[in-house]
Amino acid sequence: MSEIVGIARQKIHPDKLEEFKRLAAECMRSAREKDTGTLQDDFY
């Protein structure tokens, strides 16, 4: 089995935090539905 690891660092402006949370949840929902091989998603 092959493994791909990606790390992205982002600065989220305080006035955009809620928008980021919404978009992050949408991305995770899409990954669960369309990419059943995803082992882990983390946001810190």
PDB file of N, CA and C in Angstrom:
ATOM      1  N   MET A   1       0.844  -1.177   0.000  1.00  0.00           N
ATOM      2  CA  MET A   1       0.000   0.000   0.000  1.00  0.00           C
ATOM      3  C   MET A   1       0.888   1.237   0.000  1.00  0.00           C
ATOM      4  N   SER A   2       0.563   2.221  -0.801  1.00  0.00           N
ATOM      5  CA  SER A   2       1.322   3.473  -0.809  1.00  0.00           C
ATOM      6  C   SER A   2       0.626   4.498   0.081  1.00  0.00           C
ATOM      7  N   GLU A   3       1.398   5.466   0.527  1.00  0.00           N
ATOM      8  CA  GLU A   3       0.871   6.477   1.427  1.00  0.00           C
ATOM      9  C   GLU A   3       1.319   7.847   0.956  1.00  0.00           C
ATOM     10  N   ILE A   4       0.426   8.798   0.980  1.00  0.00           N
ATOM     11  CA  ILE A   4       0.742  10.182   0.642  1.00  0.00           C
ATOM     12  C   ILE A   4       0.405  11.032   1.853  1.00  0.00           C
ATOM     13  N   VAL A   5       1.332  11.867   2.240  1.00  0.00           N
ATOM     14  CA  VAL A   5       1.122  12.763   3.369  1.00  0.00           C
ATOM     15  C   VAL A   5       1.304  14.182   2.867  1.00  0.00           C
ATOM     16  N   GLY A   6       0.360  15.046   3.188  1.00  0.00           N
ATOM     17  CA  GLY A   6       0.456  16.453   2.809  1.00  0.00           C
ATOM     18  C   GLY A   6       0.272  17.331   4.037  1.00  0.00           C
ATOM     19  N   ILE A   7       1.062  18.367   4.131  1.00  0.00           N
ATOM     20  CA  ILE A   7       0.958  19.307   5.243  1.00  0.00           C
ATOM     21  C   ILE A   7       0.850  20.713   4.667  1.00  0.00           C
ATOM     22  N   ALA A   8      -0.145  21.439   5.114  1.00  0.00           N
ATOM     23  CA  ALA A   8      -0.325  22.826   4.668  1.00  0.00           C
ATOM     24  C   ALA A   8      -0.442  23.719   5.900  1.00  0.00           C
ATOM     25  N   ARG A   9       0.231  24.826   5.860  1.00  0.00           N
ATOM     26  CA  ARG A   9       0.132  25.815   6.942  1.00  0.00           C
ATOM     27  C   ARG A   9      -0.576  27.034   6.380  1.00  0.00           C
ATOM     28  N   GLN A  10      -1.545  27.500   7.142  1.00  0.00           N
ATOM     29  CA  GLN A  10      -2.320  28.655   6.696  1.00  0.00           C
ATOM     30  C   GLN A  10      -2.479  29.631   7.844  1.00  0.00           C
ATOM     31  N   LYS A  11      -2.514  30.881   7.518  1.00  0.00           N
ATOM     32  CA  LYS A  11      -2.845  31.899   8.500  1.00  0.00           C
ATOM     33  C   LYS A  11      -4.301  32.279   8.267  1.00  0.00           C
ATOM     34  N   ILE A  12      -5.099  32.133   9.275  1.00  0.00           N
ATOM     35  CA  ILE A  12      -6.525  32.442   9.162  1.00  0.00           C
ATOM     36  C   ILE A  12      -6.781  33.757   9.894  1.00  0.00           C
ATOM     37  N   HIS A  13      -7.238  34.713   9.150  1.00  0.00           N
ATOM     38  CA  HIS A  13      -7.537  36.009   9.742  1.00  0.00           C
ATOM     39  C   HIS A  13      -8.728  35.865  10.694  1.00  0.00           C
ATOM     40  N   PRO A  14      -8.686  36.542  11.842  1.00  0.00           N
ATOM     41  CA  PRO A  14      -9.747  36.392  12.839  1.00  0.00           C
ATOM     42  C   PRO A  14     -11.164  36.596  12.285  1.00  0.00           C
ATOM     43  N   ASP A  15     -11.320  37.520  11.356  1.00  0.00           N
ATOM     44  CA  ASP A  15     -12.660  37.779  10.826  1.00  0.00           C
ATOM     45  C   ASP A  15     -13.097  36.722   9.806  1.00  0.00           C
ATOM     46  N   LYS A  16     -12.216  35.784   9.466  1.00  0.00           N
ATOM     47  CA  LYS A  16     -12.537  34.719   8.500  1.00  0.00           C
ATOM     48  C   LYS A  16     -12.602  33.339   9.160  1.00  0.00           C
ATOM     49  N   LEU A  17     -12.514  33.273  10.486  1.00  0.00           N
ATOM     50  CA  LEU A  17     -12.476  31.994  11.181  1.00  0.00           C
ATOM     51  C   LEU A  17     -13.735  31.154  10.927  1.00  0.00           C
ATOM     52  N   GLU A  18     -14.888  31.741  11.031  1.00  0.00           N
ATOM     53  CA  GLU A  18     -16.131  30.980  10.828  1.00  0.00           C
ATOM     54  C   GLU A  18     -16.237  30.455   9.400  1.00  0.00           C
ATOM     55  N   GLU A  19     -15.814  31.256   8.431  1.00  0.00           N
ATOM     56  CA  GLU A  19     -15.822  30.807   7.045  1.00  0.00           C
ATOM     57  C   GLU A  19     -14.863  29.623   6.865  1.00  0.00           C
ATOM     58  N   PHE A  20     -13.679  29.708   7.489  1.00  0.00           N
ATOM     59  CA  PHE A  20     -12.729  28.600   7.422  1.00  0.00           C
ATOM     60  C   PHE A  20     -13.325  27.329   8.024  1.00  0.00           C
ATOM     61  N   LYS A  21     -13.961  27.433   9.164  1.00  0.00           N
ATOM     62  CA  LYS A  21     -14.565  26.261   9.809  1.00  0.00           C
ATOM     63  C   LYS A  21     -15.614  25.627   8.905  1.00  0.00           C
ATOM     64  N   ARG A  22     -16.414  26.457   8.262  1.00  0.00           N
ATOM     65  CA  ARG A  22     -17.456  25.950   7.363  1.00  0.00           C
ATOM     66  C   ARG A  22     -16.831  25.225   6.172  1.00  0.00           C
ATOM     67  N   LEU A  23     -15.822  25.848   5.560  1.00  0.00           N
ATOM     68  CA  LEU A  23     -15.178  25.237   4.402  1.00  0.00           C
ATOM     69  C   LEU A  23     -14.413  23.966   4.772  1.00  0.00           C
ATOM     70  N   ALA A  24     -13.776  23.950   5.937  1.00  0.00           N
ATOM     71  CA  ALA A  24     -13.050  22.755   6.386  1.00  0.00           C
ATOM     72  C   ALA A  24     -14.029  21.597   6.595  1.00  0.00           C
ATOM     73  N   ALA A  25     -15.177  21.870   7.190  1.00  0.00           N
ATOM     74  CA  ALA A  25     -16.184  20.831   7.394  1.00  0.00           C
ATOM     75  C   ALA A  25     -16.702  20.311   6.059  1.00  0.00           C
ATOM     76  N   GLU A  26     -16.892  21.193   5.094  1.00  0.00           N
ATOM     77  CA  GLU A  26     -17.345  20.800   3.762  1.00  0.00           C
ATOM     78  C   GLU A  26     -16.306  19.905   3.081  1.00  0.00           C
ATOM     79  N   CYS A  27     -15.028  20.250   3.208  1.00  0.00           N
ATOM     80  CA  CYS A  27     -13.958  19.428   2.625  1.00  0.00           C
ATOM     81  C   CYS A  27     -13.912  18.049   3.259  1.00  0.00           C
ATOM     82  N   MET A  28     -14.028  17.978   4.558  1.00  0.00           N
ATOM     83  CA  MET A  28     -13.988  16.684   5.240  1.00  0.00           C
ATOM     84  C   MET A  28     -15.198  15.832   4.867  1.00  0.00           C
ATOM     85  N   ARG A  29     -16.361  16.440   4.762  1.00  0.00           N
ATOM     86  CA  ARG A  29     -17.573  15.721   4.367  1.00  0.00           C
ATOM     87  C   ARG A  29     -17.410  15.156   2.948  1.00  0.00           C
ATOM     88  N   SER A  30     -16.861  15.958   2.061  1.00  0.00           N
ATOM     89  CA  SER A  30     -16.645  15.517   0.687  1.00  0.00           C
ATOM     90  C   SER A  30     -15.644  14.363   0.630  1.00  0.00           C
ATOM     91  N   ALA A  31     -14.574  14.458   1.412  1.00  0.00           N
ATOM     92  CA  ALA A  31     -13.577  13.380   1.434  1.00  0.00           C
ATOM     93  C   ALA A  31     -14.187  12.084   1.944  1.00  0.00           C
ATOM     94  N   ARG A  32     -15.022  12.157   2.962  1.00  0.00           N
ATOM     95  CA  ARG A  32     -15.667  10.946   3.496  1.00  0.00           C
ATOM     96  C   ARG A  32     -16.556  10.285   2.453  1.00  0.00           C
ATOM     97  N   GLU A  33     -17.266  11.093   1.677  1.00  0.00           N
ATOM     98  CA  GLU A  33     -18.205  10.561   0.689  1.00  0.00           C
ATOM     99  C   GLU A  33     -17.513  10.060  -0.572  1.00  0.00           C
ATOM    100  N   LYS A  34     -16.480  10.763  -1.032  1.00  0.00           N
ATOM    101  CA  LYS A  34     -15.900  10.481  -2.342  1.00  0.00           C
ATOM    102  C   LYS A  34     -14.566   9.743  -2.283  1.00  0.00           C
ATOM    103  N   ASP A  35     -13.853   9.840  -1.177  1.00  0.00           N
ATOM    104  CA  ASP A  35     -12.538   9.202  -1.080  1.00  0.00           C
ATOM    105  C   ASP A  35     -12.524   8.294   0.134  1.00  0.00           C
ATOM    106  N   THR A  36     -13.091   7.128  -0.020  1.00  0.00           N
ATOM    107  CA  THR A  36     -13.239   6.214   1.109  1.00  0.00           C
ATOM    108  C   THR A  36     -11.907   5.648   1.583  1.00  0.00           C
ATOM    109  N   GLY A  37     -10.821   5.894   0.861  1.00  0.00           N
ATOM    110  CA  GLY A  37      -9.507   5.414   1.261  1.00  0.00           C
ATOM    111  C   GLY A  37      -8.750   6.389   2.160  1.00  0.00           C
ATOM    112  N   THR A  38      -9.325   7.552   2.417  1.00  0.00           N
ATOM    113  CA  THR A  38      -8.653   8.520   3.293  1.00  0.00           C
ATOM    114  C   THR A  38      -8.593   7.972   4.702  1.00  0.00           C
ATOM    115  N   LEU A  39      -7.393   7.938   5.258  1.00  0.00           N
ATOM    116  CA  LEU A  39      -7.213   7.385   6.599  1.00  0.00           C
ATOM    117  C   LEU A  39      -7.330   8.432   7.693  1.00  0.00           C
ATOM    118  N   GLN A  40      -6.939   9.684   7.392  1.00  0.00           N
ATOM    119  CA  GLN A  40      -6.928  10.684   8.446  1.00  0.00           C
ATOM    120  C   GLN A  40      -6.974  12.089   7.853  1.00  0.00           C
ATOM    121  N   ASP A  41      -7.749  12.954   8.470  1.00  0.00           N
ATOM    122  CA  ASP A  41      -7.770  14.395   8.186  1.00  0.00           C
ATOM    123  C   ASP A  41      -7.662  15.109   9.512  1.00  0.00           C
ATOM    124  N   ASP A  42      -6.767  16.043   9.619  1.00  0.00           N
ATOM    125  CA  ASP A  42      -6.606  16.809  10.861  1.00  0.00           C
ATOM    126  C   ASP A  42      -6.522  18.294  10.559  1.00  0.00           C
ATOM    127  N   PHE A  43      -7.140  19.082  11.404  1.00  0.00           N
ATOM    128  CA  PHE A  43      -7.012  20.543  11.359  1.00  0.00           C
ATOM    129  C   PHE A  43      -6.610  20.983  12.750  1.00  0.00           C
ATOM    130  N   TYR A  44      -5.523  21.766  12.850  1.00  0.00           N
ATOM    131  CA  TYR A  44      -5.068  22.274  14.146  1.00  0.00           C
ATOM    132  C   TYR A  44      -5.094  23.769  14.133  1.00  0.00           C
TER     133      TYR A  44
END
